[in-house]
Amino acid sequence: LFRVSCFLGAKLSGAAPDCVEAVARFGRHLGIAYQIYDDLADYFGDEARIGKTLGTDLASGKLTLPLITLSELLPLAERQTLTEEITGKRAPQLGLRLQQMNDLGIFAAVTAAVHAELAAATAALAPWTDYPATPHLLALGGVLRAQVAALQISG
């Protein structure tokens, strides 16, 4: 959705074809960064601030980057138990999983992925500093960085 929105906005503004593609790449990377942030917020957010119930990804069996990263770092037996929780064969142990995420540095690892996507988004627009929307698009990355930082503060 982010990619298409950016693509259409640039296209309809009459931007050069290369610029339209760059803006679309920006949107793709911004969208990926936002999705990772949203997945992170499910474990490290504050329900009142975010406005959604936390821990629903594990309970609904949604495989997200925080869970994938956790799974990769767990010993085999624990990884199998986590897989059973994700697939609904075992009740989710959210408290345990949050503790493991904290102990294993999942927040930092997944936050690094958000920042990598934001850096790629910024790089996509680097040749297009004269495009009128560039400062506004780059500001969106700043908003997302602030949201991630707020997770860190509340998490």
N, C-alpha and C. Protein backbone atom coordinates (compact mmCIF):
# COMPACT_ATOMS: atom_id res chain seq x y z
N LEU A 1 0.81 -1.20 0.00
CA LEU A 1 0.00 0.00 0.00
C LEU A 1 0.85 1.26 0.00
N PHE A 2 1.92 1.26 0.78
CA PHE A 2 2.78 2.43 0.83
C PHE A 2 3.41 2.67 -0.54
N ARG A 3 3.89 1.60 -1.17
CA ARG A 3 4.53 1.72 -2.47
C ARG A 3 3.55 2.29 -3.49
N VAL A 4 2.36 1.71 -3.56
CA VAL A 4 1.37 2.15 -4.54
C VAL A 4 0.98 3.61 -4.28
N SER A 5 0.78 3.96 -3.03
CA SER A 5 0.42 5.34 -2.71
C SER A 5 1.49 6.32 -3.16
N CYS A 6 2.73 5.99 -2.90
CA CYS A 6 3.82 6.86 -3.30
C CYS A 6 3.95 6.91 -4.82
N PHE A 7 3.84 5.75 -5.46
CA PHE A 7 3.92 5.67 -6.92
C PHE A 7 2.86 6.55 -7.56
N LEU A 8 1.62 6.37 -7.11
CA LEU A 8 0.52 7.14 -7.72
C LEU A 8 0.66 8.64 -7.46
N GLY A 9 1.07 9.00 -6.26
CA GLY A 9 1.27 10.42 -5.96
C GLY A 9 2.31 11.05 -6.87
N ALA A 10 3.43 10.36 -7.04
CA ALA A 10 4.50 10.89 -7.90
C ALA A 10 4.05 10.91 -9.36
N LYS A 11 3.39 9.86 -9.79
CA LYS A 11 2.92 9.77 -11.18
C LYS A 11 1.93 10.89 -11.48
N LEU A 12 0.96 11.06 -10.59
CA LEU A 12 -0.07 12.08 -10.81
C LEU A 12 0.47 13.51 -10.70
N SER A 13 1.61 13.65 -10.01
CA SER A 13 2.20 14.99 -9.90
C SER A 13 2.98 15.37 -11.15
N GLY A 14 3.15 14.41 -12.05
CA GLY A 14 3.89 14.68 -13.28
C GLY A 14 5.39 14.52 -13.15
N ALA A 15 5.84 13.82 -12.12
CA ALA A 15 7.28 13.61 -11.93
C ALA A 15 7.86 12.78 -13.07
N ALA A 16 9.15 12.92 -13.29
CA ALA A 16 9.85 12.14 -14.31
C ALA A 16 9.74 10.65 -13.97
N PRO A 17 9.72 9.78 -14.98
CA PRO A 17 9.59 8.33 -14.73
C PRO A 17 10.61 7.78 -13.74
N ASP A 18 11.87 8.21 -13.82
CA ASP A 18 12.87 7.73 -12.87
C ASP A 18 12.55 8.19 -11.44
N CYS A 19 12.02 9.37 -11.33
CA CYS A 19 11.63 9.89 -10.02
C CYS A 19 10.44 9.10 -9.48
N VAL A 20 9.48 8.80 -10.34
CA VAL A 20 8.31 8.02 -9.93
C VAL A 20 8.77 6.68 -9.36
N GLU A 21 9.70 6.02 -10.03
CA GLU A 21 10.21 4.73 -9.55
C GLU A 21 10.96 4.88 -8.23
N ALA A 22 11.72 5.95 -8.10
CA ALA A 22 12.45 6.19 -6.84
C ALA A 22 11.48 6.42 -5.69
N VAL A 23 10.44 7.19 -5.94
CA VAL A 23 9.44 7.45 -4.90
C VAL A 23 8.70 6.16 -4.55
N ALA A 24 8.44 5.33 -5.55
CA ALA A 24 7.80 4.03 -5.29
C ALA A 24 8.71 3.15 -4.43
N ARG A 25 10.02 3.14 -4.73
CA ARG A 25 10.97 2.37 -3.91
C ARG A 25 10.97 2.89 -2.48
N PHE A 26 10.95 4.21 -2.35
CA PHE A 26 10.86 4.81 -1.02
C PHE A 26 9.64 4.26 -0.29
N GLY A 27 8.50 4.28 -0.96
CA GLY A 27 7.26 3.80 -0.35
C GLY A 27 7.32 2.35 0.06
N ARG A 28 7.95 1.53 -0.78
CA ARG A 28 8.09 0.11 -0.45
C ARG A 28 8.89 -0.07 0.83
N HIS A 29 10.04 0.61 0.90
CA HIS A 29 10.88 0.48 2.10
C HIS A 29 10.20 1.08 3.33
N LEU A 30 9.51 2.19 3.16
CA LEU A 30 8.79 2.78 4.29
C LEU A 30 7.69 1.83 4.77
N GLY A 31 7.00 1.20 3.84
CA GLY A 31 5.94 0.26 4.20
C GLY A 31 6.47 -0.95 4.95
N ILE A 32 7.60 -1.47 4.50
CA ILE A 32 8.22 -2.60 5.21
C ILE A 32 8.64 -2.16 6.61
N ALA A 33 9.25 -0.99 6.70
CA ALA A 33 9.67 -0.47 8.02
C ALA A 33 8.46 -0.32 8.94
N TYR A 34 7.37 0.20 8.40
CA TYR A 34 6.17 0.37 9.23
C TYR A 34 5.62 -0.98 9.68
N GLN A 35 5.60 -1.96 8.80
CA GLN A 35 5.08 -3.28 9.18
C GLN A 35 5.93 -3.90 10.29
N ILE A 36 7.24 -3.76 10.17
CA ILE A 36 8.12 -4.28 11.21
C ILE A 36 7.87 -3.55 12.53
N TYR A 37 7.71 -2.22 12.46
CA TYR A 37 7.38 -1.44 13.65
C TYR A 37 6.08 -1.95 14.28
N ASP A 38 5.07 -2.16 13.47
CA ASP A 38 3.78 -2.64 13.97
C ASP A 38 3.93 -4.00 14.64
N ASP A 39 4.73 -4.87 14.05
CA ASP A 39 4.99 -6.18 14.65
C ASP A 39 5.73 -6.04 15.97
N LEU A 40 6.67 -5.12 16.03
CA LEU A 40 7.42 -4.86 17.26
C LEU A 40 6.51 -4.31 18.35
N ALA A 41 5.60 -3.43 17.94
CA ALA A 41 4.68 -2.80 18.90
C ALA A 41 3.79 -3.83 19.58
N ASP A 42 3.53 -4.95 18.91
CA ASP A 42 2.69 -5.99 19.49
C ASP A 42 3.34 -6.61 20.73
N TYR A 43 4.64 -6.50 20.85
CA TYR A 43 5.35 -7.06 22.00
C TYR A 43 5.93 -6.00 22.93
N PHE A 44 6.31 -4.86 22.38
CA PHE A 44 7.02 -3.87 23.17
C PHE A 44 6.28 -2.55 23.31
N GLY A 45 5.05 -2.49 22.85
CA GLY A 45 4.29 -1.26 22.90
C GLY A 45 3.53 -1.09 24.21
N ASP A 46 2.85 0.01 24.29
CA ASP A 46 1.98 0.32 25.42
C ASP A 46 0.56 0.36 24.89
N GLU A 47 -0.32 -0.50 25.42
CA GLU A 47 -1.68 -0.62 24.88
C GLU A 47 -2.40 0.72 24.83
N ALA A 48 -2.27 1.51 25.88
CA ALA A 48 -2.99 2.79 25.93
C ALA A 48 -2.49 3.75 24.86
N ARG A 49 -1.19 3.77 24.64
CA ARG A 49 -0.62 4.69 23.66
C ARG A 49 -0.86 4.22 22.23
N ILE A 50 -0.76 2.93 22.00
CA ILE A 50 -0.88 2.40 20.64
C ILE A 50 -2.34 2.20 20.25
N GLY A 51 -3.18 1.90 21.22
CA GLY A 51 -4.60 1.74 20.94
C GLY A 51 -4.99 0.38 20.42
N LYS A 52 -4.19 -0.64 20.74
CA LYS A 52 -4.56 -2.00 20.36
C LYS A 52 -4.08 -2.97 21.43
N THR A 53 -4.73 -4.11 21.49
CA THR A 53 -4.35 -5.14 22.44
C THR A 53 -3.02 -5.74 22.02
N LEU A 54 -2.12 -5.88 22.97
CA LEU A 54 -0.80 -6.41 22.67
C LEU A 54 -0.78 -7.93 22.81
N GLY A 55 0.17 -8.55 22.14
CA GLY A 55 0.34 -9.99 22.21
C GLY A 55 -0.57 -10.78 21.30
N THR A 56 -1.30 -10.09 20.43
CA THR A 56 -2.27 -10.79 19.58
C THR A 56 -1.60 -11.57 18.45
N ASP A 57 -0.41 -11.16 18.02
CA ASP A 57 0.26 -11.88 16.93
C ASP A 57 0.57 -13.31 17.33
N LEU A 58 1.11 -13.50 18.52
CA LEU A 58 1.41 -14.86 18.99
C LEU A 58 0.12 -15.65 19.17
N ALA A 59 -0.87 -15.04 19.80
CA ALA A 59 -2.14 -15.73 20.06
C ALA A 59 -2.85 -16.14 18.78
N SER A 60 -2.70 -15.33 17.72
CA SER A 60 -3.39 -15.64 16.46
C SER A 60 -2.52 -16.45 15.50
N GLY A 61 -1.31 -16.79 15.91
CA GLY A 61 -0.44 -17.58 15.06
C GLY A 61 0.20 -16.80 13.93
N LYS A 62 0.30 -15.50 14.09
CA LYS A 62 0.89 -14.65 13.05
C LYS A 62 2.41 -14.65 13.21
N LEU A 63 3.08 -15.15 12.20
CA LEU A 63 4.54 -15.22 12.24
C LEU A 63 5.11 -13.88 11.81
N THR A 64 5.73 -13.19 12.74
CA THR A 64 6.27 -11.85 12.49
C THR A 64 7.78 -11.85 12.76
N LEU A 65 8.45 -10.78 12.36
CA LEU A 65 9.90 -10.72 12.52
C LEU A 65 10.35 -10.90 13.98
N PRO A 66 9.67 -10.32 14.97
CA PRO A 66 10.11 -10.59 16.34
C PRO A 66 10.05 -12.08 16.70
N LEU A 67 9.00 -12.77 16.26
CA LEU A 67 8.90 -14.21 16.55
C LEU A 67 9.91 -15.02 15.75
N ILE A 68 10.12 -14.65 14.50
CA ILE A 68 11.11 -15.35 13.68
C ILE A 68 12.49 -15.20 14.30
N THR A 69 12.82 -13.98 14.70
CA THR A 69 14.13 -13.72 15.30
C THR A 69 14.28 -14.47 16.62
N LEU A 70 13.23 -14.47 17.43
CA LEU A 70 13.25 -15.23 18.68
C LEU A 70 13.48 -16.70 18.40
N SER A 71 12.73 -17.24 17.47
CA SER A 71 12.84 -18.66 17.13
C SER A 71 14.26 -19.03 16.71
N GLU A 72 14.88 -18.17 15.93
CA GLU A 72 16.25 -18.44 15.47
C GLU A 72 17.26 -18.48 16.61
N LEU A 73 16.97 -17.79 17.70
CA LEU A 73 17.92 -17.70 18.81
C LEU A 73 17.65 -18.70 19.94
N LEU A 74 16.50 -19.35 19.90
CA LEU A 74 16.16 -20.30 20.96
C LEU A 74 16.81 -21.66 20.72
N PRO A 75 17.09 -22.40 21.80
CA PRO A 75 17.54 -23.78 21.64
C PRO A 75 16.44 -24.60 20.96
N LEU A 76 16.81 -25.70 20.34
CA LEU A 76 15.89 -26.49 19.53
C LEU A 76 14.60 -26.87 20.26
N ALA A 77 14.70 -27.37 21.48
CA ALA A 77 13.50 -27.81 22.21
C ALA A 77 12.56 -26.63 22.45
N GLU A 78 13.12 -25.50 22.81
CA GLU A 78 12.31 -24.31 23.06
C GLU A 78 11.71 -23.78 21.76
N ARG A 79 12.47 -23.90 20.67
CA ARG A 79 11.98 -23.48 19.35
C ARG A 79 10.77 -24.33 18.95
N GLN A 80 10.84 -25.62 19.23
CA GLN A 80 9.72 -26.51 18.91
C GLN A 80 8.48 -26.14 19.71
N THR A 81 8.66 -25.79 20.97
CA THR A 81 7.54 -25.37 21.81
C THR A 81 6.93 -24.08 21.27
N LEU A 82 7.78 -23.14 20.88
CA LEU A 82 7.29 -21.88 20.30
C LEU A 82 6.51 -22.16 19.02
N THR A 83 7.00 -23.05 18.19
CA THR A 83 6.29 -23.40 16.95
C THR A 83 4.92 -23.97 17.26
N GLU A 84 4.82 -24.79 18.30
CA GLU A 84 3.52 -25.34 18.70
C GLU A 84 2.59 -24.24 19.18
N GLU A 85 3.13 -23.23 19.84
CA GLU A 85 2.30 -22.09 20.26
C GLU A 85 1.80 -21.31 19.05
N ILE A 86 2.68 -21.08 18.10
CA ILE A 86 2.31 -20.32 16.91
C ILE A 86 1.26 -21.07 16.09
N THR A 87 1.39 -22.37 16.00
CA THR A 87 0.46 -23.17 15.19
C THR A 87 -0.81 -23.56 15.94
N GLY A 88 -0.92 -23.16 17.20
CA GLY A 88 -2.14 -23.42 17.96
C GLY A 88 -2.19 -24.79 18.61
N LYS A 89 -1.10 -25.53 18.59
CA LYS A 89 -1.08 -26.85 19.22
C LYS A 89 -0.82 -26.76 20.72
N ARG A 90 -0.43 -25.59 21.16
CA ARG A 90 -0.13 -25.35 22.57
C ARG A 90 -0.55 -23.92 22.89
N ALA A 91 -0.98 -23.69 24.12
CA ALA A 91 -1.39 -22.34 24.53
C ALA A 91 -0.19 -21.39 24.48
N PRO A 92 -0.39 -20.19 23.96
CA PRO A 92 0.71 -19.22 23.91
C PRO A 92 1.17 -18.83 25.31
N GLN A 93 2.46 -18.70 25.48
CA GLN A 93 3.06 -18.29 26.75
C GLN A 93 3.66 -16.89 26.56
N LEU A 94 2.79 -15.90 26.45
CA LEU A 94 3.23 -14.55 26.12
C LEU A 94 4.25 -14.01 27.12
N GLY A 95 4.00 -14.19 28.41
CA GLY A 95 4.94 -13.69 29.42
C GLY A 95 6.33 -14.27 29.24
N LEU A 96 6.41 -15.57 29.02
CA LEU A 96 7.69 -16.24 28.80
C LEU A 96 8.36 -15.71 27.54
N ARG A 97 7.58 -15.57 26.49
CA ARG A 97 8.14 -15.11 25.20
C ARG A 97 8.65 -13.67 25.31
N LEU A 98 7.93 -12.83 26.03
CA LEU A 98 8.40 -11.46 26.23
C LEU A 98 9.71 -11.44 27.02
N GLN A 99 9.79 -12.29 28.04
CA GLN A 99 11.02 -12.36 28.83
C GLN A 99 12.18 -12.84 27.96
N GLN A 100 11.93 -13.85 27.13
CA GLN A 100 12.98 -14.34 26.23
C GLN A 100 13.39 -13.26 25.23
N MET A 101 12.40 -12.54 24.71
CA MET A 101 12.73 -11.45 23.77
C MET A 101 13.61 -10.41 24.43
N ASN A 102 13.31 -10.07 25.67
CA ASN A 102 14.14 -9.12 26.41
C ASN A 102 15.53 -9.68 26.66
N ASP A 103 15.60 -10.93 27.10
CA ASP A 103 16.88 -11.56 27.41
C ASP A 103 17.77 -11.71 26.18
N LEU A 104 17.16 -11.97 25.03
CA LEU A 104 17.93 -12.26 23.81
C LEU A 104 18.14 -11.05 22.90
N GLY A 105 17.69 -9.89 23.34
CA GLY A 105 17.92 -8.67 22.56
C GLY A 105 17.12 -8.57 21.28
N ILE A 106 15.91 -9.13 21.30
CA ILE A 106 15.07 -9.11 20.10
C ILE A 106 14.68 -7.68 19.72
N PHE A 107 14.40 -6.84 20.70
CA PHE A 107 14.02 -5.46 20.39
C PHE A 107 15.10 -4.78 19.56
N ALA A 108 16.34 -4.87 20.01
CA ALA A 108 17.44 -4.22 19.29
C ALA A 108 17.62 -4.80 17.90
N ALA A 109 17.53 -6.11 17.78
CA ALA A 109 17.72 -6.75 16.48
C ALA A 109 16.64 -6.35 15.49
N VAL A 110 15.40 -6.34 15.94
CA VAL A 110 14.29 -6.00 15.04
C VAL A 110 14.25 -4.50 14.76
N THR A 111 14.61 -3.70 15.75
CA THR A 111 14.70 -2.26 15.53
C THR A 111 15.75 -1.95 14.46
N ALA A 112 16.84 -2.70 14.46
CA ALA A 112 17.87 -2.52 13.43
C ALA A 112 17.30 -2.76 12.04
N ALA A 113 16.38 -3.71 11.92
CA ALA A 113 15.74 -3.98 10.63
C ALA A 113 14.87 -2.80 10.20
N VAL A 114 14.16 -2.19 11.15
CA VAL A 114 13.36 -0.99 10.85
C VAL A 114 14.28 0.11 10.32
N HIS A 115 15.38 0.34 11.02
CA HIS A 115 16.29 1.42 10.63
C HIS A 115 16.97 1.12 9.29
N ALA A 116 17.24 -0.14 9.00
CA ALA A 116 17.81 -0.49 7.70
C ALA A 116 16.83 -0.18 6.57
N GLU A 117 15.57 -0.48 6.78
CA GLU A 117 14.55 -0.16 5.76
C GLU A 117 14.40 1.35 5.61
N LEU A 118 14.44 2.07 6.71
CA LEU A 118 14.34 3.53 6.63
C LEU A 118 15.55 4.13 5.91
N ALA A 119 16.72 3.55 6.13
CA ALA A 119 17.91 4.02 5.42
C ALA A 119 17.78 3.75 3.92
N ALA A 120 17.25 2.60 3.56
CA ALA A 120 17.04 2.28 2.14
C ALA A 120 16.00 3.22 1.53
N ALA A 121 14.99 3.57 2.29
CA ALA A 121 13.97 4.51 1.81
C ALA A 121 14.61 5.87 1.55
N THR A 122 15.40 6.33 2.49
CA THR A 122 16.08 7.62 2.33
C THR A 122 17.02 7.60 1.13
N ALA A 123 17.75 6.51 0.97
CA ALA A 123 18.68 6.39 -0.16
C ALA A 123 17.96 6.43 -1.50
N ALA A 124 16.75 5.89 -1.54
CA ALA A 124 15.99 5.89 -2.79
C ALA A 124 15.70 7.31 -3.27
N LEU A 125 15.55 8.22 -2.33
CA LEU A 125 15.22 9.61 -2.69
C LEU A 125 16.45 10.51 -2.82
N ALA A 126 17.63 9.99 -2.50
CA ALA A 126 18.84 10.82 -2.52
C ALA A 126 19.06 11.56 -3.83
N PRO A 127 18.83 10.94 -4.99
CA PRO A 127 19.03 11.68 -6.25
C PRO A 127 17.92 12.69 -6.55
N TRP A 128 16.88 12.72 -5.75
CA TRP A 128 15.70 13.52 -6.06
C TRP A 128 15.43 14.59 -5.02
N THR A 129 16.47 15.26 -4.57
CA THR A 129 16.29 16.31 -3.56
C THR A 129 15.51 17.50 -4.10
N ASP A 130 15.48 17.67 -5.42
CA ASP A 130 14.73 18.78 -6.02
C ASP A 130 13.24 18.48 -6.19
N TYR A 131 12.86 17.22 -6.04
CA TYR A 131 11.45 16.86 -6.17
C TYR A 131 10.70 17.49 -4.99
N PRO A 132 9.65 18.26 -5.24
CA PRO A 132 8.99 19.01 -4.16
C PRO A 132 8.50 18.17 -2.98
N ALA A 133 8.13 16.94 -3.21
CA ALA A 133 7.59 16.12 -2.12
C ALA A 133 8.68 15.45 -1.28
N THR A 134 9.92 15.49 -1.74
CA THR A 134 10.99 14.77 -1.03
C THR A 134 11.08 15.12 0.45
N PRO A 135 11.10 16.39 0.84
CA PRO A 135 11.20 16.69 2.28
C PRO A 135 10.02 16.12 3.08
N HIS A 136 8.85 16.14 2.48
CA HIS A 136 7.67 15.63 3.18
C HIS A 136 7.73 14.10 3.32
N LEU A 137 8.19 13.45 2.26
CA LEU A 137 8.32 11.99 2.32
C LEU A 137 9.37 11.60 3.36
N LEU A 138 10.50 12.29 3.35
CA LEU A 138 11.55 11.98 4.32
C LEU A 138 11.08 12.24 5.75
N ALA A 139 10.20 13.21 5.93
CA ALA A 139 9.66 13.49 7.27
C ALA A 139 8.86 12.30 7.80
N LEU A 140 8.24 11.55 6.90
CA LEU A 140 7.50 10.35 7.33
C LEU A 140 8.44 9.35 8.00
N GLY A 141 9.63 9.22 7.46
CA GLY A 141 10.63 8.36 8.09
C GLY A 141 10.97 8.84 9.48
N GLY A 142 11.05 10.15 9.65
CA GLY A 142 11.31 10.72 10.97
C GLY A 142 10.21 10.41 11.97
N VAL A 143 8.98 10.46 11.50
CA VAL A 143 7.84 10.13 12.36
C VAL A 143 7.95 8.67 12.82
N LEU A 144 8.28 7.79 11.88
CA LEU A 144 8.39 6.37 12.24
C LEU A 144 9.56 6.14 13.19
N ARG A 145 10.67 6.83 12.97
CA ARG A 145 11.80 6.71 13.91
C ARG A 145 11.38 7.11 15.32
N ALA A 146 10.60 8.17 15.43
CA ALA A 146 10.11 8.63 16.73
C ALA A 146 9.19 7.59 17.37
N GLN A 147 8.36 6.95 16.57
CA GLN A 147 7.46 5.91 17.09
C GLN A 147 8.27 4.72 17.62
N VAL A 148 9.30 4.34 16.90
CA VAL A 148 10.16 3.24 17.36
C VAL A 148 10.86 3.63 18.65
N ALA A 149 11.35 4.85 18.73
CA ALA A 149 12.01 5.33 19.95
C ALA A 149 11.04 5.33 21.13
N ALA A 150 9.78 5.65 20.88
CA ALA A 150 8.78 5.64 21.94
C ALA A 150 8.54 4.22 22.44
N LEU A 151 8.62 3.24 21.56
CA LEU A 151 8.50 1.84 21.99
C LEU A 151 9.64 1.51 22.94
N GLN A 152 10.83 1.93 22.59
CA GLN A 152 11.99 1.64 23.41
C GLN A 152 11.82 2.24 24.80
N ILE A 153 11.28 3.44 24.86
CA ILE A 153 11.08 4.11 26.14
C ILE A 153 10.03 3.39 26.98
N SER A 154 8.93 2.97 26.32
CA SER A 154 7.86 2.32 27.08
C SER A 154 8.10 0.83 27.26
N GLY A 155 8.96 0.23 26.42
CA GLY A 155 9.20 -1.22 26.49
C GLY A 155 10.19 -1.50 27.52
